[in-house]
Amino acid sequence: MPSYQLRMKKDQRLEDFFQSMIRDAWDVAGRYLDVAKIEQDDFRNFEAETRIGLQPFISAYDLCGSFTECADEVEGSPWLDYDDHIYHLVLPSTLPQFLEQLSYFSFQPIQHLAKAGLEQLVYEMIQNVFRRHLAQHIYYNPFCRPFFCFGVERRAGNQSSAERN
């Protein structure tokens, strides 16, 4: 199972990241939706399915980010801040497959809203927004694995220890 770090700057919260990504995907998809069909619950359903598709793969533990290896061994990036909030993103498949799955979860509740013949475009636009948002926060660190933090309290609500304090 591929494992990545999902890193947020000290002043960012995971919830804010979720909200921004979901709102951007909705706004982009909205250009290709039939506004006459949109109902009040459609955004809430879109948001709920996106969270259902994403949250099971994200976790944080009290020790996340407390070891030098959490930042020093990240590949392909500039020096990272030791104050970053670090979450584990453990995927059941490759990152592209995960993006496809997440986009599909999000697309399902609004598929019926797509203008005729634009369903595939709406799906692809959602996927592109998710890719763009996640790309800003995903890092690969060969030394960072959830089993280093296992046995330590898992953060309720997937908050990092820094966010909770």
Protein backbone atom coordinates (compact mmCIF):
# COMPACT_ATOMS: atom_id res chain seq x y z
CA MET A 1 0.00 0.00 0.00
CA PRO A 2 1.58 3.29 -1.03
CA SER A 3 2.13 5.67 1.87
CA TYR A 4 2.61 9.42 1.61
CA GLN A 5 2.76 12.40 3.87
CA LEU A 6 -0.02 14.94 3.56
CA ARG A 7 1.62 18.11 4.88
CA MET A 8 -0.09 21.34 5.91
CA LYS A 9 1.74 24.51 6.90
CA LYS A 10 1.64 25.48 10.55
CA ASP A 11 -1.22 27.94 9.99
CA GLN A 12 -3.31 25.53 7.87
CA ARG A 13 -5.89 23.06 9.09
CA LEU A 14 -6.88 19.83 7.40
CA GLU A 15 -10.53 20.89 7.50
CA ASP A 16 -9.69 24.12 5.64
CA PHE A 17 -7.86 22.08 3.01
CA PHE A 18 -10.89 19.79 2.57
CA GLN A 19 -13.25 22.76 2.28
CA SER A 20 -11.08 24.56 -0.26
CA MET A 21 -10.62 21.48 -2.44
CA ILE A 22 -14.30 20.55 -2.34
CA ARG A 23 -15.48 24.11 -3.00
CA ASP A 24 -13.07 24.51 -5.94
CA ALA A 25 -14.17 21.20 -7.46
CA TRP A 26 -17.82 22.20 -7.10
CA ASP A 27 -17.18 25.60 -8.70
CA VAL A 28 -15.31 24.10 -11.65
CA ALA A 29 -17.89 21.32 -12.14
CA GLY A 30 -20.66 23.92 -11.84
CA ARG A 31 -19.70 25.40 -15.20
CA TYR A 32 -20.92 22.20 -16.83
CA LEU A 33 -23.98 21.50 -14.69
CA ASP A 34 -27.56 22.29 -15.63
CA VAL A 35 -28.39 25.02 -13.11
CA ALA A 36 -32.12 24.37 -13.53
CA LYS A 37 -31.62 20.92 -11.98
CA ILE A 38 -29.45 21.94 -9.00
CA GLU A 39 -31.16 21.60 -5.63
CA GLN A 40 -30.12 22.75 -2.19
CA ASP A 41 -28.81 19.35 -1.09
CA ASP A 42 -26.66 18.72 -4.16
CA PHE A 43 -23.58 20.50 -2.78
CA ARG A 44 -23.96 18.78 0.60
CA ASN A 45 -24.17 15.39 -1.12
CA PHE A 46 -21.13 16.21 -3.25
CA GLU A 47 -19.20 17.27 -0.15
CA ALA A 48 -20.27 14.23 1.88
CA GLU A 49 -19.27 11.75 -0.83
CA THR A 50 -15.91 13.48 -1.30
CA ARG A 51 -15.21 13.17 2.41
CA ILE A 52 -16.31 9.53 2.42
CA GLY A 53 -13.88 8.90 -0.42
CA LEU A 54 -10.96 10.72 1.21
CA GLN A 55 -11.06 10.52 4.99
CA PRO A 56 -10.56 6.76 5.49
CA PHE A 57 -7.10 7.07 3.96
CA ILE A 58 -5.89 9.97 6.12
CA SER A 59 -4.73 9.56 9.69
CA ALA A 60 -2.55 11.33 12.21
CA TYR A 61 -0.92 10.20 15.41
CA ASP A 62 0.54 12.06 18.37
CA LEU A 63 4.08 11.38 17.16
CA CYS A 64 3.50 12.52 13.56
CA GLY A 65 6.20 15.02 12.72
CA SER A 66 8.13 14.68 15.97
CA PHE A 67 11.10 12.84 14.45
CA THR A 68 13.75 14.50 12.30
CA GLU A 69 13.17 11.85 9.66
CA CYS A 70 9.61 13.12 9.18
CA ALA A 71 10.98 16.15 7.33
CA ASP A 72 14.61 15.39 6.47
CA GLU A 73 14.00 12.32 4.33
CA VAL A 74 11.29 13.73 2.06
CA GLU A 75 12.22 13.10 -1.56
CA GLY A 76 12.06 15.60 -4.38
CA SER A 77 11.25 18.70 -2.40
CA PRO A 78 13.02 21.66 -0.80
CA TRP A 79 13.76 21.69 2.90
CA LEU A 80 10.47 21.35 4.77
CA ASP A 81 9.36 23.12 7.91
CA TYR A 82 9.49 21.10 11.12
CA ASP A 83 6.29 22.85 12.23
CA ASP A 84 4.20 21.39 9.39
CA HIS A 85 1.15 19.35 10.36
CA ILE A 86 1.83 15.86 9.04
CA TYR A 87 -0.81 13.29 8.21
CA HIS A 88 -0.41 9.81 6.79
CA LEU A 89 -2.08 9.19 3.46
CA VAL A 90 -2.11 5.43 2.99
CA LEU A 91 -3.66 4.41 -0.30
CA PRO A 92 -5.09 1.06 -1.35
CA SER A 93 -3.69 1.56 -4.85
CA THR A 94 -1.54 3.96 -6.83
CA LEU A 95 -2.02 7.70 -6.53
CA PRO A 96 -3.61 8.01 -10.01
CA GLN A 97 -6.02 5.17 -9.19
CA PHE A 98 -6.87 6.83 -5.89
CA LEU A 99 -7.63 10.10 -7.68
CA GLU A 100 -9.91 8.24 -10.09
CA GLN A 101 -11.72 6.57 -7.20
CA LEU A 102 -12.08 9.79 -5.21
CA SER A 103 -13.34 11.66 -8.27
CA TYR A 104 -15.85 8.91 -8.97
CA PHE A 105 -17.17 9.08 -5.37
CA SER A 106 -17.61 12.83 -5.72
CA PHE A 107 -19.08 12.71 -9.20
CA GLN A 108 -21.79 10.13 -8.48
CA PRO A 109 -24.21 12.37 -6.54
CA ILE A 110 -24.05 15.11 -9.18
CA GLN A 111 -23.82 13.02 -12.34
CA HIS A 112 -27.51 13.65 -13.10
CA LEU A 113 -26.85 17.41 -13.01
CA ALA A 114 -24.32 17.40 -15.85
CA LYS A 115 -25.41 19.00 -19.08
CA ALA A 116 -26.17 16.42 -21.77
CA GLY A 117 -23.02 14.84 -23.14
CA LEU A 118 -20.71 16.54 -20.61
CA GLU A 119 -20.69 13.87 -17.90
CA GLN A 120 -17.13 12.71 -18.69
CA LEU A 121 -15.90 16.30 -18.76
CA VAL A 122 -17.43 17.02 -15.33
CA TYR A 123 -15.74 13.91 -13.91
CA GLU A 124 -12.38 14.90 -15.44
CA MET A 125 -12.66 18.48 -14.16
CA ILE A 126 -13.30 17.23 -10.62
CA GLN A 127 -10.32 14.91 -10.91
CA ASN A 128 -8.08 17.75 -12.14
CA VAL A 129 -9.05 19.97 -9.20
CA PHE A 130 -8.36 17.18 -6.73
CA ARG A 131 -5.01 16.45 -8.38
CA ARG A 132 -4.01 20.11 -8.25
CA HIS A 133 -4.94 20.53 -4.58
CA LEU A 134 -3.37 17.29 -3.42
CA ALA A 135 -0.18 17.89 -5.43
CA GLN A 136 0.56 20.92 -3.26
CA HIS A 137 0.52 18.84 -0.08
CA ILE A 138 1.60 15.25 -0.87
CA TYR A 139 5.17 14.19 -0.25
CA TYR A 140 6.92 10.86 -0.35
CA ASN A 141 9.17 9.99 2.55
CA PRO A 142 10.56 6.45 2.45
CA PHE A 143 11.20 6.50 6.22
CA CYS A 144 7.80 7.78 7.28
CA ARG A 145 5.30 4.98 7.67
CA PRO A 146 2.26 4.72 9.91
CA PHE A 147 3.77 1.75 11.75
CA PHE A 148 6.36 4.11 13.30
CA CYS A 149 3.45 5.87 14.99
CA PHE A 150 1.31 2.79 15.70
CA GLY A 151 0.76 2.12 19.35
CA VAL A 152 0.42 5.84 19.87
CA GLU A 153 -2.94 7.53 20.21
CA ARG A 154 -4.55 8.19 16.83
CA ARG A 155 -5.85 11.72 16.65
CA ALA A 156 -9.60 11.97 16.88
CA GLY A 157 -11.03 13.71 13.85
CA ASN A 158 -7.67 13.23 12.11
CA GLN A 159 -6.19 16.33 13.75
CA SER A 160 -2.46 16.54 14.19
CA SER A 161 -1.13 17.12 17.69
CA ALA A 162 -0.21 20.70 16.76
CA GLU A 163 -3.77 21.43 15.60
CA ARG A 164 -5.23 20.07 18.81
CA ASN A 165 -3.03 22.22 21.08
